[in-house]
Amino acid sequence: MTHILNIDFLKRETPSGLLGLALEGDRLDGVVLKRHNGSLQVDQRFTATLTLDPLTDDVELAGREILNHLQAAGVRERRCVVALPLKWVLAAHVTLPITLAEADVAAFLQIEAERGFPTDVTALQVATSRLVSASGEQHATLVGIPRSHVERLGQALRAARLKPLSFSLGITALQPPETGESNGVMALMIDDNQIGLQISCGGGVAALRALEGAVESESDQPVLHGDLIAREARITLGQLPAGLRDPVKRIRVFGSRAQAQHLADEIRARFEPGGLSVEAVLAYPPNEFGRTIPPETPLSAAFSLAARHLAGHGPLFEFLPPRISTWQQMTSKYASGKLRTAAIAAAAVLVVFGGAFAVQQWQLTRLRSQWAGMSDKVKELGDVQDQIQKYRPWFDESFRYLGILKALTAAFPEDGSVTAKSLEIRELPEARDVSVVSCSGNAASYSALQRTVHQLGAIQGVTELNVPTRGKTPIQFTFDFHLNGGGMNEN
């Protein structure tokens, strides 16, 4: 079974200087901090636009481009902490059973991760945040980032002669969920092309997502769509259990001074009548990191991540894969005083495998002899069976379309909040084992429709799922997706 990777922050000696980086789209923000006599000092700041993407372009060339920007900014610090793009994140919320023992939590979360994420969990770097509601109910938020993204970014940074110490998320550094001040807070972080959203309560993260399409950056001045941001924030808040939703009373907006103030003013009228106060966070409060920082320090994910690291505070979500050298593997396997025991064990294993191989060869020889005596009769019976199949009525024994109907029906909620009106199943001419399914109907609410989409996406063999909608009450939808025949037969 694949285990969820939840790396604890390594208790190493805190460096005296550090480079904080925040990657978002093609923009790379950086700040170099130095620790001096209990205070944090800014050595360099820079912002660069990358023309090469480490995920799609050659990592060596992408690393060289990053190195060129560092050299142009006069940055010589090589140890770095990196805020990963929030759009890479996949998140799933889990409620822990009351009767679940603490020793079984890890296995339970592993199963929930395999069920909750729309991709193979072995392809993700997964971290967790545990939290407790006001009623004492325990919850967990599973956050996954594609392992290939993390590995390629690490390769690009090493090509830039950097030594990454941590891969984390910028919004959790700006609004640390473990502090008492973060209880019941929705944080909105403004980026160039999106809005990051984090809801923290009960000592952890209850919700985490990126609001795509909330920012338009085609002109010189980015345009913030307050209506879309407010609607998606309400939807996210409404999907939480009441024990986590009710304590949320504050909304904090992070970004440049002008953008944060503008967004706070635009959404204030939409939330304050419902009891949620809205504030624009324009500066770091005194003693934010337990260290003195320069006055009027601009808010940034890169600064917050580096400052927390230098102050000895580990990240909530750590996505940096552990690097185990060949020498460490050898020394852990053959520790002092155990080399002789290991050699004896290896010899015993060879003897066991050799004996098993000899027994297997003897069994194969005996079976070949038996087959030689019956092969003629088997061939005769096979010819008779072929004739029977040739002249008897034909029908498909897989019941494919009934299987599709059964799986689709199981995805719909039993309370009737989502209903189907029509269903069409077609076969692809170029791939006979792939069906094109189109199902239209009505949904009473957006949350019920989202749960149905989630259940449908979890069906094995479902790909290219597209859900166009229109209308509000009821919501009219159409499920369009491809279904692989092999996965449906198993269902």
Protein backbone atom coordinates (compact mmCIF):
# COMPACT_ATOMS: atom_id res chain seq x y z
CA MET A 1 0.00 0.00 0.00
CA THR A 2 1.21 3.48 -0.83
CA HIS A 3 1.73 5.63 2.26
CA ILE A 4 0.87 9.31 2.50
CA LEU A 5 3.99 11.40 2.68
CA ASN A 6 3.73 13.75 5.63
CA ILE A 7 7.27 14.91 6.26
CA ASP A 8 7.90 16.59 9.61
CA PHE A 9 10.04 19.68 9.43
CA LEU A 10 13.64 18.66 10.00
CA LYS A 11 15.15 20.08 13.19
CA ARG A 12 18.38 21.24 11.65
CA GLU A 13 20.53 24.18 12.63
CA THR A 14 18.77 27.34 11.49
CA PRO A 15 20.88 29.19 8.89
CA SER A 16 21.88 32.83 9.39
CA GLY A 17 20.81 33.80 5.87
CA LEU A 18 18.16 32.52 3.51
CA LEU A 19 16.67 33.15 0.08
CA GLY A 20 12.88 33.12 -0.07
CA LEU A 21 11.31 32.40 -3.46
CA ALA A 22 7.67 32.48 -4.56
CA LEU A 23 6.76 30.99 -7.94
CA GLU A 24 3.40 31.91 -9.47
CA GLY A 25 2.85 31.46 -13.20
CA ASP A 26 5.82 32.97 -15.01
CA ARG A 27 6.67 35.35 -12.15
CA LEU A 28 9.42 34.64 -9.63
CA ASP A 29 9.61 36.82 -6.50
CA GLY A 30 12.67 36.65 -4.30
CA VAL A 31 13.96 38.14 -1.06
CA VAL A 32 17.24 37.52 0.78
CA LEU A 33 16.98 37.72 4.59
CA LYS A 34 19.79 37.80 7.11
CA ARG A 35 19.43 37.15 10.83
CA HIS A 36 21.35 39.56 13.03
CA ASN A 37 21.09 40.08 16.82
CA GLY A 38 17.48 38.96 17.05
CA SER A 39 16.32 40.91 14.01
CA LEU A 40 15.74 40.07 10.34
CA GLN A 41 17.30 42.29 7.70
CA VAL A 42 16.50 42.40 3.99
CA ASP A 43 19.60 42.20 1.80
CA GLN A 44 18.04 41.98 -1.67
CA ARG A 45 14.63 41.93 -3.30
CA PHE A 46 13.86 41.07 -6.90
CA THR A 47 11.04 40.13 -9.23
CA ALA A 48 11.70 38.29 -12.50
CA THR A 49 9.58 37.13 -15.39
CA LEU A 50 10.54 33.61 -16.55
CA THR A 51 10.39 32.72 -20.24
CA LEU A 52 11.01 29.01 -19.55
CA ASP A 53 8.69 26.77 -17.56
CA PRO A 54 10.47 24.11 -15.43
CA LEU A 55 7.47 21.79 -15.92
CA THR A 56 7.55 21.78 -19.72
CA ASP A 57 10.95 23.10 -20.83
CA ASP A 58 14.39 21.65 -20.28
CA VAL A 59 15.15 21.85 -16.54
CA GLU A 60 18.81 22.69 -17.12
CA LEU A 61 17.89 25.65 -19.31
CA ALA A 62 15.17 26.75 -16.87
CA GLY A 63 17.69 26.55 -14.04
CA ARG A 64 20.21 28.58 -16.04
CA GLU A 65 17.57 31.29 -16.57
CA ILE A 66 16.85 31.43 -12.83
CA LEU A 67 20.59 31.64 -12.13
CA ASN A 68 20.91 34.55 -14.56
CA HIS A 69 18.17 36.47 -12.73
CA LEU A 70 19.85 35.79 -9.38
CA GLN A 71 23.18 37.02 -10.66
CA ALA A 72 21.58 40.13 -12.19
CA ALA A 73 20.02 40.92 -8.79
CA GLY A 74 23.33 40.33 -6.99
CA VAL A 75 21.97 37.35 -5.03
CA ARG A 76 24.71 35.07 -3.72
CA GLU A 77 22.73 33.14 -1.09
CA ARG A 78 22.20 29.53 -2.18
CA ARG A 79 19.98 28.12 0.57
CA CYS A 80 16.36 28.76 -0.27
CA VAL A 81 12.77 28.06 0.74
CA VAL A 82 10.16 28.05 -2.03
CA ALA A 83 6.45 28.90 -2.08
CA LEU A 84 4.85 26.62 -4.68
CA PRO A 85 2.00 27.80 -6.95
CA LEU A 86 -1.39 27.25 -5.35
CA LYS A 87 -2.80 26.12 -8.70
CA TRP A 88 -0.71 22.95 -8.37
CA VAL A 89 -2.66 21.96 -5.25
CA LEU A 90 -5.32 19.26 -5.01
CA ALA A 91 -7.21 19.29 -1.70
CA ALA A 92 -9.66 16.87 -0.07
CA HIS A 93 -11.52 17.24 3.24
CA VAL A 94 -11.98 14.23 5.53
CA THR A 95 -14.03 13.80 8.70
CA LEU A 96 -12.44 11.32 11.09
CA PRO A 97 -14.79 8.76 12.67
CA ILE A 98 -15.33 9.25 16.40
CA THR A 99 -14.45 5.64 17.15
CA LEU A 100 -11.22 5.71 15.12
CA ALA A 101 -8.13 4.99 17.22
CA GLU A 102 -5.15 7.32 16.79
CA ALA A 103 -3.00 4.38 15.67
CA ASP A 104 -5.38 3.80 12.74
CA VAL A 105 -5.57 7.43 11.56
CA ALA A 106 -2.67 7.17 9.09
CA ALA A 107 -4.16 4.10 7.37
CA PHE A 108 -7.60 5.74 7.28
CA LEU A 109 -6.20 8.92 5.70
CA GLN A 110 -4.33 6.80 3.15
CA ILE A 111 -7.57 5.16 2.05
CA GLU A 112 -9.38 8.51 1.94
CA ALA A 113 -6.58 9.98 -0.18
CA GLU A 114 -6.91 7.16 -2.69
CA ARG A 115 -10.67 7.78 -2.83
CA GLY A 116 -10.68 11.57 -2.65
CA PHE A 117 -8.06 12.64 -5.18
CA PRO A 118 -8.97 12.52 -8.89
CA THR A 119 -5.59 10.98 -9.73
CA ASP A 120 -3.36 8.16 -8.56
CA VAL A 121 -2.17 9.04 -5.06
CA THR A 122 1.23 7.47 -5.78
CA ALA A 123 1.82 10.29 -8.27
CA LEU A 124 1.28 12.94 -5.58
CA GLN A 125 3.36 14.43 -2.80
CA VAL A 126 0.76 14.53 -0.02
CA ALA A 127 0.72 16.40 3.29
CA THR A 128 -2.04 16.66 5.90
CA SER A 129 -3.47 19.23 8.30
CA ARG A 130 -5.42 17.99 11.33
CA LEU A 131 -8.05 20.20 12.99
CA VAL A 132 -10.77 19.95 15.62
CA SER A 133 -14.18 21.67 15.42
CA ALA A 134 -15.78 23.48 18.33
CA SER A 135 -17.91 20.38 19.04
CA GLY A 136 -14.80 18.20 19.34
CA GLU A 137 -15.22 16.49 15.97
CA GLN A 138 -11.88 15.74 14.29
CA HIS A 139 -11.17 16.58 10.66
CA ALA A 140 -8.23 16.47 8.28
CA THR A 141 -7.38 18.27 5.06
CA LEU A 142 -5.31 16.30 2.56
CA VAL A 143 -3.23 18.45 0.22
CA GLY A 144 -1.48 16.87 -2.76
CA ILE A 145 0.90 18.25 -5.38
CA PRO A 146 2.00 16.22 -8.42
CA ARG A 147 5.29 14.55 -7.56
CA SER A 148 6.61 15.23 -11.08
CA HIS A 149 6.09 19.00 -10.57
CA VAL A 150 8.08 18.96 -7.35
CA GLU A 151 10.89 16.85 -8.80
CA ARG A 152 11.28 18.98 -11.94
CA LEU A 153 11.28 22.21 -9.93
CA GLY A 154 13.91 20.74 -7.61
CA GLN A 155 16.07 19.81 -10.60
CA ALA A 156 15.74 23.33 -12.04
CA LEU A 157 16.71 24.91 -8.72
CA ARG A 158 19.73 22.66 -8.36
CA ALA A 159 20.68 23.60 -11.93
CA ALA A 160 20.50 27.22 -10.71
CA ARG A 161 23.05 26.23 -8.01
CA LEU A 162 20.46 26.56 -5.26
CA LYS A 163 19.93 24.30 -2.27
CA PRO A 164 16.19 24.05 -1.48
CA LEU A 165 15.45 23.51 2.21
CA SER A 166 11.66 23.57 1.99
CA PHE A 167 8.81 23.48 -0.53
CA SER A 168 5.62 24.90 0.96
CA LEU A 169 2.66 27.23 0.26
CA GLY A 170 2.84 30.99 0.51
CA ILE A 171 -0.69 31.55 1.81
CA THR A 172 -0.06 29.35 4.86
CA ALA A 173 3.02 31.47 5.66
CA LEU A 174 1.05 34.73 5.35
CA GLN A 175 -1.81 33.39 7.50
CA PRO A 176 -0.35 30.58 9.68
CA PRO A 177 -3.36 28.42 10.65
CA GLU A 178 -1.81 27.06 13.84
CA THR A 179 -1.87 30.43 15.64
CA GLY A 180 -4.78 31.50 17.79
CA GLU A 181 -5.28 34.65 15.71
CA SER A 182 -6.01 32.47 12.66
CA ASN A 183 -8.95 30.65 14.20
CA GLY A 184 -12.05 31.37 12.12
CA VAL A 185 -10.23 33.29 9.36
CA MET A 186 -10.71 33.16 5.60
CA ALA A 187 -7.55 34.43 3.91
CA LEU A 188 -7.61 35.73 0.32
CA MET A 189 -4.24 36.16 -1.41
CA ILE A 190 -4.14 38.18 -4.64
CA ASP A 191 -1.81 36.90 -7.38
CA ASP A 192 -1.38 37.95 -10.99
CA ASN A 193 -3.87 35.45 -12.45
CA GLN A 194 -5.83 34.05 -9.52
CA ILE A 195 -6.97 34.44 -5.93
CA GLY A 196 -5.71 32.01 -3.30
CA LEU A 197 -8.25 31.04 -0.63
CA GLN A 198 -7.55 29.45 2.75
CA ILE A 199 -9.97 28.84 5.61
CA SER A 200 -8.31 28.13 8.93
CA CYS A 201 -9.98 27.06 12.15
CA GLY A 202 -9.55 24.48 14.87
CA GLY A 203 -5.76 24.72 14.64
CA GLY A 204 -5.47 23.72 10.98
CA VAL A 205 -6.55 24.34 7.40
CA ALA A 206 -10.18 23.51 6.68
CA ALA A 207 -10.21 24.54 3.00
CA LEU A 208 -7.56 25.46 0.44
CA ARG A 209 -8.07 26.31 -3.22
CA ALA A 210 -7.18 28.68 -6.07
CA LEU A 211 -9.96 30.79 -7.61
CA GLU A 212 -9.15 30.68 -11.32
CA GLY A 213 -10.50 33.47 -13.53
CA ALA A 214 -10.92 35.86 -10.61
CA VAL A 215 -8.18 38.17 -11.91
CA GLU A 216 -7.73 39.50 -15.44
CA SER A 217 -4.22 40.75 -16.20
CA GLU A 218 -4.55 41.63 -19.87
CA SER A 219 -4.25 45.37 -19.18
CA ASP A 220 -1.59 47.19 -17.18
CA GLN A 221 -3.85 47.19 -14.12
CA PRO A 222 -5.19 43.73 -13.13
CA VAL A 223 -8.97 43.60 -12.84
CA LEU A 224 -10.42 41.83 -9.79
CA HIS A 225 -13.87 40.24 -10.23
CA GLY A 226 -15.41 40.80 -6.82
CA ASP A 227 -18.71 39.06 -7.66
CA LEU A 228 -16.94 35.85 -8.71
CA ILE A 229 -14.61 35.95 -5.69
CA ALA A 230 -17.50 36.46 -3.26
CA ARG A 231 -19.58 33.70 -4.88
CA GLU A 232 -16.75 31.14 -4.83
CA ALA A 233 -15.85 32.10 -1.26
CA ARG A 234 -19.45 31.49 -0.16
CA ILE A 235 -19.53 28.15 -2.00
CA THR A 236 -16.30 27.02 -0.36
CA LEU A 237 -17.55 28.11 3.05
CA GLY A 238 -20.90 26.40 2.50
CA GLN A 239 -19.27 23.07 1.68
CA LEU A 240 -17.68 22.86 5.14
CA PRO A 241 -19.40 21.12 8.06
CA ALA A 242 -21.28 23.48 10.37
CA GLY A 243 -18.73 22.96 13.15
CA LEU A 244 -16.01 24.41 10.93
CA ARG A 245 -18.13 26.93 9.01
CA ASP A 246 -19.80 28.74 11.92
CA PRO A 247 -16.57 29.92 13.67
CA VAL A 248 -15.40 31.77 10.51
CA LYS A 249 -16.02 35.45 11.29
CA ARG A 250 -13.14 37.29 9.58
CA ILE A 251 -11.89 37.69 6.03
CA ARG A 252 -8.32 38.94 5.57
CA VAL A 253 -7.12 40.11 2.15
CA PHE A 254 -3.41 39.92 1.26
CA GLY A 255 -1.75 41.57 -1.74
CA SER A 256 -0.29 44.88 -2.78
CA ARG A 257 -1.68 47.80 -0.77
CA ALA A 258 -3.87 49.11 -3.59
CA GLN A 259 -5.21 45.73 -4.70
CA ALA A 260 -5.85 44.43 -1.17
CA GLN A 261 -7.70 47.59 -0.16
CA HIS A 262 -9.72 47.62 -3.41
CA LEU A 263 -10.81 43.99 -3.06
CA ALA A 264 -11.65 44.41 0.64
CA ASP A 265 -13.83 47.44 -0.12
CA GLU A 266 -15.56 45.63 -2.99
CA ILE A 267 -16.56 42.49 -1.07
CA ARG A 268 -17.21 44.09 2.33
CA ALA A 269 -20.84 44.85 1.54
CA ARG A 270 -21.38 41.22 0.48
CA PHE A 271 -20.13 39.67 3.71
CA GLU A 272 -20.48 42.08 6.63
CA PRO A 273 -24.32 41.84 6.71
CA GLY A 274 -23.82 38.11 7.32
CA GLY A 275 -21.53 38.72 10.30
CA LEU A 276 -18.13 38.41 8.56
CA SER A 277 -15.75 41.34 8.95
CA VAL A 278 -13.44 42.15 6.03
CA GLU A 279 -10.02 43.73 6.40
CA ALA A 280 -7.13 44.49 4.06
CA VAL A 281 -3.81 43.37 5.54
CA LEU A 282 -1.43 46.17 4.56
CA ALA A 283 1.59 45.51 6.81
CA TYR A 284 3.12 42.94 9.11
CA PRO A 285 2.11 43.37 12.76
CA PRO A 286 4.90 43.94 15.32
CA ASN A 287 6.76 40.82 16.39
CA GLU A 288 5.01 38.78 13.66
CA PHE A 289 7.80 36.21 13.52
CA GLY A 290 9.22 36.65 17.01
CA ARG A 291 11.93 38.82 15.47
CA THR A 292 12.29 42.51 14.69
CA ILE A 293 11.74 43.20 10.99
CA PRO A 294 12.33 46.37 8.97
CA PRO A 295 9.43 48.85 9.27
CA GLU A 296 7.02 49.09 6.35
CA THR A 297 8.15 45.71 5.01
CA PRO A 298 5.93 44.86 2.01
CA LEU A 299 3.79 41.77 2.46
CA SER A 300 4.95 38.83 0.35
CA ALA A 301 4.86 35.05 0.43
CA ALA A 302 8.62 34.88 -0.19
CA PHE A 303 9.40 37.11 2.80
CA SER A 304 6.95 35.32 5.12
CA LEU A 305 8.25 31.87 4.22
CA ALA A 306 11.91 32.86 4.70
CA ALA A 307 11.20 34.79 7.91
CA ARG A 308 9.31 31.87 9.46
CA HIS A 309 12.15 29.52 8.57
CA LEU A 310 14.80 31.80 10.10
CA ALA A 311 12.62 32.21 13.20
CA GLY A 312 12.53 28.42 13.62
CA HIS A 313 8.90 27.89 12.61
CA GLY A 314 8.41 24.94 10.27
CA PRO A 315 5.84 25.02 7.44
CA LEU A 316 2.43 23.44 7.92
CA PHE A 317 2.63 21.65 4.56
CA GLU A 318 6.04 20.32 3.51
CA PHE A 319 6.41 18.98 -0.03
CA LEU A 320 10.20 18.70 -0.33
CA PRO A 321 11.02 15.02 -0.93
CA PRO A 322 13.64 13.60 1.42
CA ARG A 323 17.00 13.04 -0.23
CA ILE A 324 18.68 9.82 0.91
CA SER A 325 22.21 9.31 -0.36
CA THR A 326 23.62 5.94 -1.41
CA TRP A 327 26.03 6.06 1.53
CA GLN A 328 23.13 6.56 3.97
CA GLN A 329 21.32 3.61 2.45
CA MET A 330 24.42 1.43 2.82
CA THR A 331 25.18 2.53 6.38
CA SER A 332 21.57 2.05 7.48
CA LYS A 333 21.52 -1.45 5.99
CA TYR A 334 24.96 -2.55 7.22
CA ALA A 335 25.46 -0.75 10.51
CA SER A 336 28.50 -1.45 12.67
CA GLY A 337 28.39 -4.98 14.12
CA LYS A 338 25.71 -6.24 11.71
CA LEU A 339 27.70 -6.92 8.54
CA ARG A 340 28.26 -10.60 9.35
CA THR A 341 24.59 -11.17 10.19
CA ALA A 342 23.55 -9.47 6.95
CA ALA A 343 25.91 -11.68 4.90
CA ILE A 344 24.56 -14.85 6.52
CA ALA A 345 20.99 -13.70 5.90
CA ALA A 346 21.81 -12.96 2.24
CA ALA A 347 23.33 -16.45 1.82
CA ALA A 348 20.25 -18.04 3.40
CA VAL A 349 18.01 -16.10 1.02
CA LEU A 350 20.05 -17.34 -1.97
CA VAL A 351 19.74 -20.95 -0.78
CA VAL A 352 15.98 -20.61 -0.32
CA PHE A 353 15.51 -19.02 -3.74
CA GLY A 354 17.74 -21.68 -5.37
CA GLY A 355 15.72 -24.51 -3.83
CA ALA A 356 12.44 -22.86 -4.84
CA PHE A 357 13.72 -22.52 -8.42
CA ALA A 358 14.68 -26.22 -8.55
CA VAL A 359 11.22 -27.26 -7.28
CA GLN A 360 9.58 -25.00 -9.85
CA GLN A 361 11.57 -26.54 -12.70
CA TRP A 362 10.61 -30.06 -11.57
CA GLN A 363 6.91 -29.08 -11.49
CA LEU A 364 7.13 -27.51 -14.94
CA THR A 365 8.72 -30.67 -16.36
CA ARG A 366 5.97 -32.85 -14.86
CA LEU A 367 3.22 -30.57 -16.18
CA ARG A 368 4.72 -30.52 -19.68
CA SER A 369 4.67 -34.35 -19.66
CA GLN A 370 1.01 -34.40 -18.65
CA TRP A 371 0.12 -31.86 -21.33
CA ALA A 372 1.83 -33.91 -24.01
CA GLY A 373 -0.53 -36.82 -23.19
CA MET A 374 -3.74 -34.77 -23.38
CA SER A 375 -3.01 -32.09 -26.01
CA ASP A 376 -4.68 -34.05 -28.88
CA LYS A 377 -7.94 -34.48 -26.96
CA VAL A 378 -7.91 -30.83 -25.91
CA LYS A 379 -7.51 -29.74 -29.53
CA GLU A 380 -10.43 -31.97 -30.58
CA LEU A 381 -12.66 -30.54 -27.83
CA GLY A 382 -11.61 -27.04 -28.82
CA ASP A 383 -12.70 -27.60 -32.42
CA VAL A 384 -16.09 -28.85 -31.24
CA GLN A 385 -16.50 -25.81 -28.98
CA ASP A 386 -15.66 -23.49 -31.89
CA GLN A 387 -18.40 -25.10 -33.98
CA ILE A 388 -20.93 -24.70 -31.16
CA GLN A 389 -20.09 -21.05 -30.75
CA LYS A 390 -20.23 -20.46 -34.48
CA TYR A 391 -23.83 -21.68 -34.92
CA ARG A 392 -25.49 -20.66 -31.64
CA PRO A 393 -27.25 -17.27 -31.13
CA TRP A 394 -24.82 -14.48 -30.24
CA PHE A 395 -25.23 -11.95 -27.48
CA ASP A 396 -22.92 -9.77 -25.39
CA GLU A 397 -22.39 -11.38 -22.00
CA SER A 398 -20.73 -8.33 -20.49
CA PHE A 399 -24.02 -6.36 -20.10
CA ARG A 400 -22.00 -3.25 -20.82
CA TYR A 401 -24.81 -0.72 -21.04
CA LEU A 402 -26.49 -2.00 -17.89
CA GLY A 403 -23.14 -1.64 -16.14
CA ILE A 404 -22.90 1.97 -17.31
CA LEU A 405 -26.40 2.70 -16.03
CA LYS A 406 -25.60 1.07 -12.69
CA ALA A 407 -22.40 3.09 -12.18
CA LEU A 408 -24.05 6.34 -13.27
CA THR A 409 -27.03 5.73 -10.95
CA ALA A 410 -24.70 5.11 -7.99
CA ALA A 411 -23.07 8.52 -8.55
CA PHE A 412 -26.40 10.36 -8.08
CA PRO A 413 -27.48 11.23 -4.48
CA GLU A 414 -30.32 9.21 -3.03
CA ASP A 415 -32.20 12.29 -1.77
CA GLY A 416 -33.23 13.31 -5.31
CA SER A 417 -31.36 16.62 -5.22
CA VAL A 418 -29.78 15.71 -8.59
CA THR A 419 -31.95 14.05 -11.24
CA ALA A 420 -31.33 12.88 -14.79
CA LYS A 421 -33.60 13.68 -17.73
CA SER A 422 -31.84 12.02 -20.65
CA LEU A 423 -28.99 9.62 -21.30
CA GLU A 424 -27.13 8.91 -24.52
CA ILE A 425 -24.42 6.25 -24.97
CA ARG A 426 -22.36 6.06 -28.13
CA GLU A 427 -19.34 3.99 -29.13
CA LEU A 428 -16.19 5.56 -30.56
CA PRO A 429 -15.57 4.14 -34.07
CA GLU A 430 -11.81 4.25 -33.57
CA ALA A 431 -11.93 2.61 -30.09
CA ARG A 432 -14.74 0.09 -29.63
CA ASP A 433 -13.99 -0.40 -25.93
CA VAL A 434 -14.56 3.32 -25.19
CA SER A 435 -18.08 4.73 -24.83
CA VAL A 436 -19.09 8.38 -25.10
CA VAL A 437 -21.72 9.10 -22.44
CA SER A 438 -23.89 12.21 -22.28
CA CYS A 439 -26.35 12.64 -19.40
CA SER A 440 -28.40 15.79 -18.80
CA GLY A 441 -30.64 16.73 -15.91
CA ASN A 442 -31.37 19.15 -13.09
CA ALA A 443 -29.68 19.84 -9.72
CA ALA A 444 -31.28 21.54 -6.75
CA SER A 445 -28.01 23.12 -5.56
CA TYR A 446 -24.45 23.66 -6.65
CA SER A 447 -23.04 21.66 -3.72
CA ALA A 448 -25.21 18.63 -4.62
CA LEU A 449 -24.04 18.88 -8.23
CA GLN A 450 -20.39 19.07 -7.09
CA ARG A 451 -20.79 15.96 -4.94
CA THR A 452 -22.27 14.10 -7.91
CA VAL A 453 -19.42 15.25 -10.17
CA HIS A 454 -16.94 14.08 -7.52
CA GLN A 455 -18.61 10.63 -7.32
CA LEU A 456 -18.73 10.38 -11.10
CA GLY A 457 -15.06 11.30 -11.48
CA ALA A 458 -14.13 8.56 -8.99
CA ILE A 459 -15.60 5.82 -11.24
CA GLN A 460 -12.80 3.75 -12.73
CA GLY A 461 -12.46 4.34 -16.45
CA VAL A 462 -14.11 7.81 -16.53
CA THR A 463 -12.02 10.35 -18.49
CA GLU A 464 -12.49 13.72 -20.17
CA LEU A 465 -15.31 14.65 -17.80
CA ASN A 466 -16.95 17.93 -18.79
CA VAL A 467 -19.90 19.49 -16.91
CA PRO A 468 -21.44 22.54 -18.61
CA THR A 469 -24.25 24.17 -16.60
CA ARG A 470 -26.84 26.87 -17.00
CA GLY A 471 -29.55 28.36 -14.88
CA LYS A 472 -29.65 28.70 -11.11
CA THR A 473 -32.88 27.22 -9.66
CA PRO A 474 -32.77 24.48 -10.73
CA ILE A 475 -29.27 24.18 -12.20
CA GLN A 476 -29.40 22.50 -15.60
CA PHE A 477 -26.34 20.35 -16.28
CA THR A 478 -24.91 17.90 -18.77
CA PHE A 479 -22.32 15.24 -17.93
CA ASP A 480 -20.14 14.50 -20.97
CA PHE A 481 -17.39 11.92 -20.48
CA HIS A 482 -15.58 8.95 -21.98
CA LEU A 483 -15.79 5.56 -20.30
CA ASN A 484 -13.23 2.82 -20.81
CA GLY A 485 -14.85 -0.58 -21.19
CA GLY A 486 -12.32 -2.45 -19.06
CA GLY A 487 -12.92 -0.33 -15.97
CA MET A 488 -16.73 -0.63 -16.32
CA ASN A 489 -16.66 -4.41 -16.49
CA GLU A 490 -14.96 -4.44 -13.10
CA ASN A 491 -17.74 -2.34 -11.64
